[in-house]
C-alpha cells in the first residue's frame, strides 16, 4: 500500500476553499474503505505515478497535484478504470 506524504492536514481547495483530504493509492483495506465512506480520505486506485494527484475535494469533486493548480475531475476516466 503506497501513500503519498502530505505536508499539511488542512489544505484548502483552490476552487471552493473547503478542506481537502489525502488521496491513498493501492489496494484498499477495510480501514481505508471505512475512512473513504466517511470522506476522511479518497481512494485513488492502484496505479501511482510521479504526477498523481495527492489531494481530493469532495465538494468540487476534483483531485489536485502538489502545486494545487493541476487538477483532475472526479468524473474523468482515470478514476473509472
PDB file of N, CA and C in Angstrom:
ATOM      1  N   UNK A   1       0.842  -1.168   0.000  1.00  0.00           N
ATOM      2  CA  UNK A   1       0.000   0.000   0.000  1.00  0.00           C
ATOM      3  C   UNK A   1       0.887   1.230   0.000  1.00  0.00           C
ATOM      4  N   UNK A   2       0.761   2.045  -1.014  1.00  0.00           N
ATOM      5  CA  UNK A   2       1.551   3.267  -1.072  1.00  0.00           C
ATOM      6  C   UNK A   2       0.700   4.448  -0.684  1.00  0.00           C
ATOM      7  N   UNK A   3       1.307   5.344   0.042  1.00  0.00           N
ATOM      8  CA  UNK A   3       0.619   6.569   0.436  1.00  0.00           C
ATOM      9  C   UNK A   3       1.583   7.720   0.210  1.00  0.00           C
ATOM     10  N   UNK A   4       1.112   8.760  -0.432  1.00  0.00           N
ATOM     11  CA  UNK A   4       1.945   9.929  -0.641  1.00  0.00           C
ATOM     12  C   UNK A   4       1.879  10.781   0.615  1.00  0.00           C
ATOM     13  N   UNK A   5       3.018  11.194   1.107  1.00  0.00           N
ATOM     14  CA  UNK A   5       3.067  12.053   2.291  1.00  0.00           C
ATOM     15  C   UNK A   5       2.653  13.465   1.912  1.00  0.00           C
ATOM     16  N   UNK A   6       1.845  14.066   2.730  1.00  0.00           N
ATOM     17  CA  UNK A   6       1.474  15.459   2.518  1.00  0.00           C
ATOM     18  C   UNK A   6       2.003  16.271   3.677  1.00  0.00           C
ATOM     19  N   UNK A   7       2.221  17.538   3.444  1.00  0.00           N
ATOM     20  CA  UNK A   7       2.839  18.380   4.456  1.00  0.00           C
ATOM     21  C   UNK A   7       1.833  19.002   5.413  1.00  0.00           C
ATOM     22  N   UNK A   8       0.582  19.062   5.044  1.00  0.00           N
ATOM     23  CA  UNK A   8      -0.406  19.706   5.896  1.00  0.00           C
ATOM     24  C   UNK A   8      -1.698  18.905   5.901  1.00  0.00           C
ATOM     25  N   UNK A   9      -2.322  18.832   7.038  1.00  0.00           N
ATOM     26  CA  UNK A   9      -3.606  18.138   7.141  1.00  0.00           C
ATOM     27  C   UNK A   9      -4.765  19.033   6.713  1.00  0.00           C
ATOM     28  N   UNK A  10      -4.530  20.331   6.576  1.00  0.00           N
ATOM     29  CA  UNK A  10      -5.609  21.263   6.287  1.00  0.00           C
ATOM     30  C   UNK A  10      -5.318  22.067   5.023  1.00  0.00           C
ATOM     31  N   UNK A  11      -5.283  21.371   3.910  1.00  0.00           N
ATOM     32  CA  UNK A  11      -5.062  22.036   2.632  1.00  0.00           C
ATOM     33  C   UNK A  11      -6.429  22.402   2.064  1.00  0.00           C
ATOM     34  N   UNK A  12      -6.591  23.681   1.743  1.00  0.00           N
ATOM     35  CA  UNK A  12      -7.878  24.147   1.222  1.00  0.00           C
ATOM     36  C   UNK A  12      -7.920  24.058  -0.298  1.00  0.00           C
ATOM     37  N   UNK A  13      -9.081  23.732  -0.799  1.00  0.00           N
ATOM     38  CA  UNK A  13      -9.310  23.646  -2.234  1.00  0.00           C
ATOM     39  C   UNK A  13      -9.155  25.034  -2.846  1.00  0.00           C
ATOM     40  N   UNK A  14      -8.385  25.154  -3.931  1.00  0.00           N
ATOM     41  CA  UNK A  14      -8.213  26.462  -4.563  1.00  0.00           C
ATOM     42  C   UNK A  14      -9.474  26.946  -5.295  1.00  0.00           C
ATOM     43  N   UNK A  15     -10.452  26.078  -5.463  1.00  0.00           N
ATOM     44  CA  UNK A  15     -11.683  26.462  -6.157  1.00  0.00           C
ATOM     45  C   UNK A  15     -12.762  26.908  -5.166  1.00  0.00           C
ATOM     46  N   UNK A  16     -13.032  26.065  -4.147  1.00  0.00           N
ATOM     47  CA  UNK A  16     -14.146  26.370  -3.241  1.00  0.00           C
ATOM     48  C   UNK A  16     -13.710  26.656  -1.801  1.00  0.00           C
ATOM     49  N   UNK A  17     -12.449  26.502  -1.495  1.00  0.00           N
ATOM     50  CA  UNK A  17     -11.818  26.725  -0.181  1.00  0.00           C
ATOM     51  C   UNK A  17     -12.223  25.724   0.903  1.00  0.00           C
ATOM     52  N   UNK A  18     -12.901  24.642   0.540  1.00  0.00           N
ATOM     53  CA  UNK A  18     -13.178  23.573   1.503  1.00  0.00           C
ATOM     54  C   UNK A  18     -11.879  22.827   1.804  1.00  0.00           C
ATOM     55  N   UNK A  19     -11.808  22.194   2.977  1.00  0.00           N
ATOM     56  CA  UNK A  19     -10.638  21.396   3.334  1.00  0.00           C
ATOM     57  C   UNK A  19     -10.632  20.131   2.479  1.00  0.00           C
ATOM     58  N   UNK A  20      -9.490  19.824   1.870  1.00  0.00           N
ATOM     59  CA  UNK A  20      -9.361  18.628   1.050  1.00  0.00           C
ATOM     60  C   UNK A  20      -8.815  17.471   1.889  1.00  0.00           C
ATOM     61  N   UNK A  21      -8.950  16.263   1.363  1.00  0.00           N
ATOM     62  CA  UNK A  21      -8.441  15.065   2.035  1.00  0.00           C
ATOM     63  C   UNK A  21      -7.294  14.484   1.227  1.00  0.00           C
ATOM     64  N   UNK A  22      -6.505  13.641   1.875  1.00  0.00           N
ATOM     65  CA  UNK A  22      -5.400  12.961   1.205  1.00  0.00           C
ATOM     66  C   UNK A  22      -5.948  11.871   0.287  1.00  0.00           C
ATOM     67  N   UNK A  23      -5.239  11.634  -0.798  1.00  0.00           N
ATOM     68  CA  UNK A  23      -5.565  10.527  -1.688  1.00  0.00           C
ATOM     69  C   UNK A  23      -4.631   9.369  -1.345  1.00  0.00           C
ATOM     70  N   UNK A  24      -5.202   8.191  -1.143  1.00  0.00           N
ATOM     71  CA  UNK A  24      -4.433   6.986  -0.854  1.00  0.00           C
ATOM     72  C   UNK A  24      -4.476   6.077  -2.074  1.00  0.00           C
ATOM     73  N   UNK A  25      -3.334   5.514  -2.417  1.00  0.00           N
ATOM     74  CA  UNK A  25      -3.212   4.642  -3.573  1.00  0.00           C
ATOM     75  C   UNK A  25      -2.906   3.223  -3.116  1.00  0.00           C
ATOM     76  N   UNK A  26      -3.282   2.255  -3.934  1.00  0.00           N
ATOM     77  CA  UNK A  26      -3.047   0.855  -3.637  1.00  0.00           C
ATOM     78  C   UNK A  26      -4.354   0.143  -3.349  1.00  0.00           C
ATOM     79  N   UNK A  27      -4.240  -1.146  -3.043  1.00  0.00           N
ATOM     80  CA  UNK A  27      -5.426  -1.948  -2.742  1.00  0.00           C
ATOM     81  C   UNK A  27      -5.975  -1.516  -1.380  1.00  0.00           C
ATOM     82  N   UNK A  28      -7.211  -1.024  -1.333  1.00  0.00           N
ATOM     83  CA  UNK A  28      -7.755  -0.545  -0.063  1.00  0.00           C
ATOM     84  C   UNK A  28      -8.065  -1.692   0.894  1.00  0.00           C
ATOM     85  N   UNK A  29      -7.766  -1.471   2.164  1.00  0.00           N
ATOM     86  CA  UNK A  29      -8.144  -2.434   3.184  1.00  0.00           C
ATOM     87  C   UNK A  29      -9.459  -1.970   3.813  1.00  0.00           C
ATOM     88  N   UNK A  30      -9.932  -2.685   4.811  1.00  0.00           N
ATOM     89  CA  UNK A  30     -11.210  -2.368   5.440  1.00  0.00           C
ATOM     90  C   UNK A  30     -11.197  -0.978   6.088  1.00  0.00           C
ATOM     91  N   UNK A  31     -10.082  -0.627   6.748  1.00  0.00           N
ATOM     92  CA  UNK A  31      -9.975   0.682   7.392  1.00  0.00           C
ATOM     93  C   UNK A  31     -10.050   1.807   6.360  1.00  0.00           C
ATOM     94  N   UNK A  32      -9.326   1.653   5.245  1.00  0.00           N
ATOM     95  CA  UNK A  32      -9.351   2.674   4.190  1.00  0.00           C
ATOM     96  C   UNK A  32     -10.744   2.825   3.599  1.00  0.00           C
ATOM     97  N   UNK A  33     -11.417   1.710   3.383  1.00  0.00           N
ATOM     98  CA  UNK A  33     -12.764   1.746   2.823  1.00  0.00           C
ATOM     99  C   UNK A  33     -13.708   2.497   3.756  1.00  0.00           C
ATOM    100  N   UNK A  34     -13.596   2.233   5.053  1.00  0.00           N
ATOM    101  CA  UNK A  34     -14.431   2.925   6.040  1.00  0.00           C
ATOM    102  C   UNK A  34     -14.130   4.422   6.045  1.00  0.00           C
ATOM    103  N   UNK A  35     -12.833   4.786   6.025  1.00  0.00           N
ATOM    104  CA  UNK A  35     -12.449   6.195   6.024  1.00  0.00           C
ATOM    105  C   UNK A  35     -12.904   6.905   4.756  1.00  0.00           C
ATOM    106  N   UNK A  36     -12.877   6.208   3.628  1.00  0.00           N
ATOM    107  CA  UNK A  36     -13.343   6.796   2.369  1.00  0.00           C
ATOM    108  C   UNK A  36     -14.846   7.042   2.413  1.00  0.00           C
ATOM    109  N   UNK A  37     -15.604   6.116   2.988  1.00  0.00           N
ATOM    110  CA  UNK A  37     -17.052   6.313   3.119  1.00  0.00           C
ATOM    111  C   UNK A  37     -17.371   7.486   4.035  1.00  0.00           C
ATOM    112  N   UNK A  38     -16.496   7.741   5.020  1.00  0.00           N
ATOM    113  CA  UNK A  38     -16.667   8.867   5.936  1.00  0.00           C
ATOM    114  C   UNK A  38     -16.070  10.153   5.369  1.00  0.00           C
ATOM    115  N   UNK A  39     -15.520  10.057   4.177  1.00  0.00           N
ATOM    116  CA  UNK A  39     -14.873  11.183   3.485  1.00  0.00           C
ATOM    117  C   UNK A  39     -13.686  11.748   4.264  1.00  0.00           C
ATOM    118  N   UNK A  40     -12.953  10.864   4.940  1.00  0.00           N
ATOM    119  CA  UNK A  40     -11.733  11.262   5.635  1.00  0.00           C
ATOM    120  C   UNK A  40     -10.524  11.127   4.720  1.00  0.00           C
ATOM    121  N   UNK A  41     -10.619  10.244   3.720  1.00  0.00           N
ATOM    122  CA  UNK A  41      -9.591  10.051   2.700  1.00  0.00           C
ATOM    123  C   UNK A  41     -10.299   9.835   1.367  1.00  0.00           C
ATOM    124  N   UNK A  42      -9.531   9.784   0.292  1.00  0.00           N
ATOM    125  CA  UNK A  42     -10.062   9.446  -1.022  1.00  0.00           C
ATOM    126  C   UNK A  42      -9.200   8.330  -1.580  1.00  0.00           C
ATOM    127  N   UNK A  43      -9.814   7.290  -2.113  1.00  0.00           N
ATOM    128  CA  UNK A  43      -9.069   6.166  -2.688  1.00  0.00           C
ATOM    129  C   UNK A  43      -8.807   6.465  -4.151  1.00  0.00           C
ATOM    130  N   UNK A  44      -7.512   6.533  -4.503  1.00  0.00           N
ATOM    131  CA  UNK A  44      -7.119   6.941  -5.846  1.00  0.00           C
ATOM    132  C   UNK A  44      -6.871   5.820  -6.823  1.00  0.00           C
ATOM    133  N   UNK A  45      -6.926   4.582  -6.387  1.00  0.00           N
ATOM    134  CA  UNK A  45      -6.699   3.460  -7.284  1.00  0.00           C
ATOM    135  C   UNK A  45      -5.354   2.803  -7.040  1.00  0.00           C
ATOM    136  N   UNK A  46      -5.016   1.865  -7.887  1.00  0.00           N
ATOM    137  CA  UNK A  46      -3.810   1.056  -7.690  1.00  0.00           C
ATOM    138  C   UNK A  46      -2.583   1.604  -8.402  1.00  0.00           C
ATOM    139  N   UNK A  47      -2.776   2.473  -9.360  1.00  0.00           N
ATOM    140  CA  UNK A  47      -1.647   2.970 -10.147  1.00  0.00           C
ATOM    141  C   UNK A  47      -1.215   4.331  -9.614  1.00  0.00           C
ATOM    142  N   UNK A  48       0.047   4.424  -9.272  1.00  0.00           N
ATOM    143  CA  UNK A  48       0.620   5.659  -8.740  1.00  0.00           C
ATOM    144  C   UNK A  48       1.773   6.079  -9.637  1.00  0.00           C
ATOM    145  N   UNK A  49       1.760   7.328 -10.073  1.00  0.00           N
ATOM    146  CA  UNK A  49       2.848   7.844 -10.898  1.00  0.00           C
ATOM    147  C   UNK A  49       3.381   9.124 -10.270  1.00  0.00           C
ATOM    148  N   UNK A  50       4.441   9.667 -10.836  1.00  0.00           N
ATOM    149  CA  UNK A  50       5.039  10.893 -10.307  1.00  0.00           C
ATOM    150  C   UNK A  50       4.082  12.085 -10.342  1.00  0.00           C
ATOM    151  N   UNK A  51       3.150  12.081 -11.287  1.00  0.00           N
ATOM    152  CA  UNK A  51       2.232  13.209 -11.407  1.00  0.00           C
ATOM    153  C   UNK A  51       0.817  12.895 -10.902  1.00  0.00           C
ATOM    154  N   UNK A  52       0.698  11.865 -10.072  1.00  0.00           N
ATOM    155  CA  UNK A  52      -0.614  11.526  -9.495  1.00  0.00           C
ATOM    156  C   UNK A  52      -1.057  12.610  -8.518  1.00  0.00           C
ATOM    157  N   UNK A  53      -2.340  12.926  -8.511  1.00  0.00           N
ATOM    158  CA  UNK A  53      -2.826  13.908  -7.553  1.00  0.00           C
ATOM    159  C   UNK A  53      -2.681  13.399  -6.118  1.00  0.00           C
ATOM    160  N   UNK A  54      -2.567  14.325  -5.167  1.00  0.00           N
ATOM    161  CA  UNK A  54      -2.391  13.926  -3.774  1.00  0.00           C
ATOM    162  C   UNK A  54      -3.486  14.455  -2.853  1.00  0.00           C
ATOM    163  N   UNK A  55      -4.333  15.352  -3.343  1.00  0.00           N
ATOM    164  CA  UNK A  55      -5.433  15.899  -2.556  1.00  0.00           C
ATOM    165  C   UNK A  55      -6.739  15.734  -3.327  1.00  0.00           C
ATOM    166  N   UNK A  56      -7.833  15.573  -2.595  1.00  0.00           N
ATOM    167  CA  UNK A  56      -9.144  15.482  -3.237  1.00  0.00           C
ATOM    168  C   UNK A  56     -10.139  16.373  -2.509  1.00  0.00           C
ATOM    169  N   UNK A  57     -10.945  17.092  -3.279  1.00  0.00           N
ATOM    170  CA  UNK A  57     -12.016  17.921  -2.731  1.00  0.00           C
ATOM    171  C   UNK A  57     -13.350  17.220  -3.017  1.00  0.00           C
ATOM    172  N   UNK A  58     -13.995  16.771  -1.968  1.00  0.00           N
ATOM    173  CA  UNK A  58     -15.295  16.124  -2.145  1.00  0.00           C
ATOM    174  C   UNK A  58     -16.362  17.123  -2.571  1.00  0.00           C
ATOM    175  N   UNK A  59     -16.206  18.386  -2.228  1.00  0.00           N
ATOM    176  CA  UNK A  59     -17.174  19.399  -2.598  1.00  0.00           C
ATOM    177  C   UNK A  59     -17.143  19.671  -4.110  1.00  0.00           C
ATOM    178  N   UNK A  60     -15.971  19.918  -4.652  1.00  0.00           N
ATOM    179  CA  UNK A  60     -15.812  20.206  -6.086  1.00  0.00           C
ATOM    180  C   UNK A  60     -15.720  18.947  -6.943  1.00  0.00           C
ATOM    181  N   UNK A  61     -15.424  17.824  -6.284  1.00  0.00           N
ATOM    182  CA  UNK A  61     -15.214  16.544  -6.974  1.00  0.00           C
ATOM    183  C   UNK A  61     -13.998  16.614  -7.888  1.00  0.00           C
ATOM    184  N   UNK A  62     -12.932  17.275  -7.403  1.00  0.00           N
ATOM    185  CA  UNK A  62     -11.687  17.379  -8.158  1.00  0.00           C
ATOM    186  C   UNK A  62     -10.521  16.922  -7.289  1.00  0.00           C
ATOM    187  N   UNK A  63      -9.506  16.388  -7.965  1.00  0.00           N
ATOM    188  CA  UNK A  63      -8.280  15.973  -7.293  1.00  0.00           C
ATOM    189  C   UNK A  63      -7.145  16.854  -7.777  1.00  0.00           C
ATOM    190  N   UNK A  64      -6.242  17.212  -6.865  1.00  0.00           N
ATOM    191  CA  UNK A  64      -5.187  18.171  -7.164  1.00  0.00           C
ATOM    192  C   UNK A  64      -3.803  17.600  -6.913  1.00  0.00           C
ATOM    193  N   UNK A  65      -2.881  18.016  -7.753  1.00  0.00           N
ATOM    194  CA  UNK A  65      -1.473  17.683  -7.559  1.00  0.00           C
ATOM    195  C   UNK A  65      -0.892  18.626  -6.507  1.00  0.00           C
ATOM    196  N   UNK A  66       0.361  18.422  -6.152  1.00  0.00           N
ATOM    197  CA  UNK A  66       1.002  19.198  -5.087  1.00  0.00           C
ATOM    198  C   UNK A  66       1.002  20.697  -5.369  1.00  0.00           C
ATOM    199  N   UNK A  67       1.037  21.090  -6.641  1.00  0.00           N
ATOM    200  CA  UNK A  67       1.076  22.522  -6.961  1.00  0.00           C
ATOM    201  C   UNK A  67      -0.282  23.216  -6.779  1.00  0.00           C
ATOM    202  N   UNK A  68      -1.317  22.436  -6.532  1.00  0.00           N
ATOM    203  CA  UNK A  68      -2.698  22.914  -6.371  1.00  0.00           C
ATOM    204  C   UNK A  68      -3.230  23.660  -7.596  1.00  0.00           C
ATOM    205  N   UNK A  69      -2.545  23.530  -8.712  1.00  0.00           N
ATOM    206  CA  UNK A  69      -3.002  24.138  -9.963  1.00  0.00           C
ATOM    207  C   UNK A  69      -3.503  23.064 -10.918  1.00  0.00           C
ATOM    208  N   UNK A  70      -2.799  21.951 -10.960  1.00  0.00           N
ATOM    209  CA  UNK A  70      -3.177  20.849 -11.833  1.00  0.00           C
ATOM    210  C   UNK A  70      -4.271  20.052 -11.145  1.00  0.00           C
ATOM    211  N   UNK A  71      -5.422  19.885 -11.829  1.00  0.00           N
ATOM    212  CA  UNK A  71      -6.498  19.117 -11.217  1.00  0.00           C
ATOM    213  C   UNK A  71      -7.132  18.164 -12.209  1.00  0.00           C
ATOM    214  N   UNK A  72      -7.761  17.159 -11.650  1.00  0.00           N
ATOM    215  CA  UNK A  72      -8.463  16.147 -12.437  1.00  0.00           C
ATOM    216  C   UNK A  72      -9.870  16.055 -11.872  1.00  0.00           C
ATOM    217  N   UNK A  73     -10.859  16.081 -12.747  1.00  0.00           N
ATOM    218  CA  UNK A  73     -12.243  15.985 -12.325  1.00  0.00           C
ATOM    219  C   UNK A  73     -12.557  14.558 -11.906  1.00  0.00           C
ATOM    220  N   UNK A  74     -13.357  14.394 -10.871  1.00  0.00           N
ATOM    221  CA  UNK A  74     -13.709  13.068 -10.355  1.00  0.00           C
ATOM    222  C   UNK A  74     -14.367  12.194 -11.414  1.00  0.00           C
ATOM    223  N   UNK A  75     -15.025  12.793 -12.391  1.00  0.00           N
ATOM    224  CA  UNK A  75     -15.702  12.022 -13.423  1.00  0.00           C
ATOM    225  C   UNK A  75     -14.796  11.663 -14.588  1.00  0.00           C
ATOM    226  N   UNK A  76     -13.522  12.064 -14.546  1.00  0.00           N
ATOM    227  CA  UNK A  76     -12.594  11.709 -15.613  1.00  0.00           C
ATOM    228  C   UNK A  76     -12.341  10.211 -15.635  1.00  0.00           C
ATOM    229  N   UNK A  77     -11.882   9.707 -16.768  1.00  0.00           N
ATOM    230  CA  UNK A  77     -11.687   8.282 -16.969  1.00  0.00           C
ATOM    231  C   UNK A  77     -10.703   7.642 -15.992  1.00  0.00           C
ATOM    232  N   UNK A  78      -9.710   8.393 -15.505  1.00  0.00           N
ATOM    233  CA  UNK A  78      -8.668   7.782 -14.673  1.00  0.00           C
ATOM    234  C   UNK A  78      -9.232   7.167 -13.401  1.00  0.00           C
ATOM    235  N   UNK A  79     -10.375   7.637 -12.919  1.00  0.00           N
ATOM    236  CA  UNK A  79     -10.989   7.067 -11.720  1.00  0.00           C
ATOM    237  C   UNK A  79     -11.974   5.944 -12.037  1.00  0.00           C
ATOM    238  N   UNK A  80     -12.319   5.793 -13.282  1.00  0.00           N
ATOM    239  CA  UNK A  80     -13.326   4.809 -13.667  1.00  0.00           C
ATOM    240  C   UNK A  80     -12.717   3.454 -13.998  1.00  0.00           C
ATOM    241  N   UNK A  81     -11.399   3.382 -14.148  1.00  0.00           N
ATOM    242  CA  UNK A  81     -10.753   2.137 -14.573  1.00  0.00           C
ATOM    243  C   UNK A  81     -10.359   1.287 -13.414  1.00  0.00           C
TER     244      UNK A  81
END
